[in-house]
């Protein structure tokens, strides 16, 4: 199974970049993993919130394949413990999922078309985080889940 992390926005700021790279590298010991930073659509500042989300959603749909298992990160989604996330990832691997895609929306979140298309909607927290930090949290939590799956000590070290 290949893990894909997609985020709409700018490249990682230096304060986030090293952490994302560190945890992404660690995940690579367990699964093939790749980040895709999807640029904000051109003329984004001229678009309404709704139109911007729609345009971003269309880009995401263009990137998806029919076999992808899509996990949308959204504040209205279901919260998981780290152990439940590990169970979820293991279940996807057991089901021979080819690509498990985690997608982080733009400044206004994900369009309804993406939330409807998603196989699972996941909320990291009821708190609001900067999008750059969500990338770091996502990478760290997926790494943590991998260590839980393999019964390694990171989770409680």
Protein backbone atom coordinates (compact mmCIF):
# COMPACT_ATOMS: atom_id res chain seq x y z
CA UNK A 1 0.00 0.00 0.00
CA UNK A 2 1.19 3.50 -0.79
CA UNK A 3 0.36 6.43 1.46
CA UNK A 4 -0.30 9.77 -0.19
CA UNK A 5 -0.50 13.03 1.74
CA UNK A 6 -2.04 15.87 -0.25
CA UNK A 7 -2.27 19.45 0.97
CA UNK A 8 -3.56 22.52 -0.79
CA UNK A 9 -1.41 25.57 -0.26
CA UNK A 10 2.17 26.72 -0.27
CA UNK A 11 5.27 24.63 0.28
CA UNK A 12 6.13 23.88 3.88
CA UNK A 13 7.51 26.73 5.93
CA UNK A 14 11.00 26.04 7.35
CA UNK A 15 9.63 25.58 10.88
CA UNK A 16 7.45 22.72 9.61
CA UNK A 17 9.54 21.34 6.78
CA UNK A 18 12.16 19.52 8.84
CA UNK A 19 9.55 17.83 11.03
CA UNK A 20 7.42 16.75 8.07
CA UNK A 21 10.52 15.39 6.31
CA UNK A 22 11.63 13.56 9.48
CA UNK A 23 8.33 11.78 10.06
CA UNK A 24 7.76 11.12 6.36
CA UNK A 25 11.16 9.44 6.23
CA UNK A 26 10.26 7.33 9.24
CA UNK A 27 6.94 6.29 7.67
CA UNK A 28 8.94 5.14 4.66
CA UNK A 29 10.26 2.20 6.71
CA UNK A 30 6.68 0.83 6.81
CA UNK A 31 4.91 2.06 3.66
CA UNK A 32 5.79 3.86 0.47
CA UNK A 33 4.84 7.45 1.14
CA UNK A 34 4.64 10.64 -0.87
CA UNK A 35 3.61 14.26 -0.28
CA UNK A 36 1.91 16.35 -2.93
CA UNK A 37 1.48 20.04 -2.26
CA UNK A 38 -1.33 21.22 -4.54
CA UNK A 39 -0.90 24.88 -5.46
CA UNK A 40 -3.73 27.26 -4.66
CA UNK A 41 -5.67 27.91 -7.90
CA UNK A 42 -4.70 30.97 -9.92
CA UNK A 43 -6.65 34.11 -9.06
CA UNK A 44 -7.64 32.59 -5.70
CA UNK A 45 -7.90 36.07 -4.19
CA UNK A 46 -10.57 36.99 -6.73
CA UNK A 47 -12.76 33.96 -5.96
CA UNK A 48 -15.45 33.67 -3.31
CA UNK A 49 -14.87 31.13 -0.53
CA UNK A 50 -17.37 28.77 -2.16
CA UNK A 51 -15.83 29.11 -5.64
CA UNK A 52 -12.32 28.62 -4.29
CA UNK A 53 -13.30 25.45 -2.44
CA UNK A 54 -15.05 24.17 -5.55
CA UNK A 55 -11.99 24.83 -7.73
CA UNK A 56 -9.72 23.12 -5.20
CA UNK A 57 -12.15 20.20 -5.06
CA UNK A 58 -12.04 19.80 -8.83
CA UNK A 59 -8.24 19.63 -8.72
CA UNK A 60 -8.39 16.93 -6.02
CA UNK A 61 -10.93 14.93 -8.04
CA UNK A 62 -8.65 15.12 -11.08
CA UNK A 63 -5.80 13.63 -9.04
CA UNK A 64 -7.82 10.73 -7.62
CA UNK A 65 -7.97 7.31 -9.21
CA UNK A 66 -10.92 4.94 -8.89
CA UNK A 67 -8.99 2.62 -6.56
CA UNK A 68 -7.92 5.33 -4.10
CA UNK A 69 -9.21 5.19 -0.55
CA UNK A 70 -9.74 8.86 0.34
CA UNK A 71 -9.42 10.21 3.86
CA UNK A 72 -10.54 13.83 4.09
CA UNK A 73 -9.26 15.83 7.05
CA UNK A 74 -12.12 18.00 8.25
CA UNK A 75 -13.06 19.48 11.62
CA UNK A 76 -16.52 17.86 11.36
CA UNK A 77 -15.08 14.38 10.88
CA UNK A 78 -14.68 11.55 13.34
CA UNK A 79 -11.91 11.77 15.89
CA UNK A 80 -9.67 8.74 16.39
CA UNK A 81 -7.24 7.68 19.05
CA UNK A 82 -3.78 6.80 17.82
CA UNK A 83 -4.58 3.10 18.31
CA UNK A 84 -7.78 3.43 16.27
CA UNK A 85 -5.81 5.18 13.52
CA UNK A 86 -3.37 2.26 13.54
CA UNK A 87 -6.31 -0.16 13.28
CA UNK A 88 -7.72 1.86 10.38
CA UNK A 89 -4.43 1.86 8.47
CA UNK A 90 -3.91 -1.85 9.10
CA UNK A 91 -7.45 -2.59 7.89
CA UNK A 92 -6.75 -0.70 4.67
CA UNK A 93 -3.51 -2.65 4.18
CA UNK A 94 -5.35 -5.93 4.87
CA UNK A 95 -7.97 -4.94 2.28
CA UNK A 96 -5.18 -4.54 -0.32
CA UNK A 97 -5.81 -0.83 -0.73
CA UNK A 98 -3.43 0.42 -3.43
CA UNK A 99 -3.31 4.07 -2.36
CA UNK A 100 -4.49 5.52 0.92
CA UNK A 101 -4.84 9.25 0.27
CA UNK A 102 -5.05 11.76 3.12
CA UNK A 103 -6.12 15.20 1.90
CA UNK A 104 -5.85 18.54 3.72
CA UNK A 105 -7.98 21.30 2.25
CA UNK A 106 -7.10 24.91 1.65
CA UNK A 107 -7.74 27.91 3.88
CA UNK A 108 -11.51 27.34 3.88
CA UNK A 109 -11.41 23.54 4.12
CA UNK A 110 -12.66 20.97 1.65
CA UNK A 111 -15.60 21.32 -0.72
CA UNK A 112 -18.68 19.18 -0.09
CA UNK A 113 -17.94 17.20 -3.28
CA UNK A 114 -14.72 15.94 -1.68
CA UNK A 115 -16.39 15.18 1.64
CA UNK A 116 -19.05 13.17 -0.21
CA UNK A 117 -16.38 11.34 -2.24
CA UNK A 118 -14.29 10.56 0.85
CA UNK A 119 -14.30 7.04 2.23
CA UNK A 120 -13.61 8.47 5.68
CA UNK A 121 -13.70 11.97 7.18
CA UNK A 122 -11.19 12.42 9.97
CA UNK A 123 -10.96 15.24 12.49
CA UNK A 124 -7.60 15.66 14.21
CA UNK A 125 -9.16 17.76 16.96
CA UNK A 126 -11.92 20.21 17.78
CA UNK A 127 -9.17 22.82 17.87
CA UNK A 128 -8.27 24.82 14.78
CA UNK A 129 -4.67 24.38 13.61
CA UNK A 130 -2.69 26.26 10.98
CA UNK A 131 -2.62 24.19 7.78
CA UNK A 132 1.16 23.92 7.95
CA UNK A 133 0.95 22.35 11.42
CA UNK A 134 -1.76 19.94 10.27
CA UNK A 135 0.80 18.52 7.84
CA UNK A 136 3.25 17.91 10.68
CA UNK A 137 0.58 16.44 12.97
CA UNK A 138 -0.66 14.17 10.18
CA UNK A 139 2.85 12.87 9.44
CA UNK A 140 3.62 12.29 13.11
CA UNK A 141 0.31 10.54 13.82
CA UNK A 142 0.65 8.24 10.81
CA UNK A 143 4.20 7.41 11.91
CA UNK A 144 2.91 6.73 15.43
CA UNK A 145 0.21 4.46 13.96
CA UNK A 146 2.88 2.54 12.04
CA UNK A 147 4.86 1.93 15.23
CA UNK A 148 1.68 0.77 16.99
CA UNK A 149 0.96 -1.67 14.14
CA UNK A 150 4.49 -3.10 14.53
CA UNK A 151 4.27 -3.02 18.35
CA UNK A 152 7.30 -0.75 18.61
CA UNK A 153 8.01 1.44 21.63
CA UNK A 154 7.61 4.95 20.13
CA UNK A 155 3.95 5.24 21.22
CA UNK A 156 4.80 4.99 24.92
CA UNK A 157 8.47 5.94 25.01
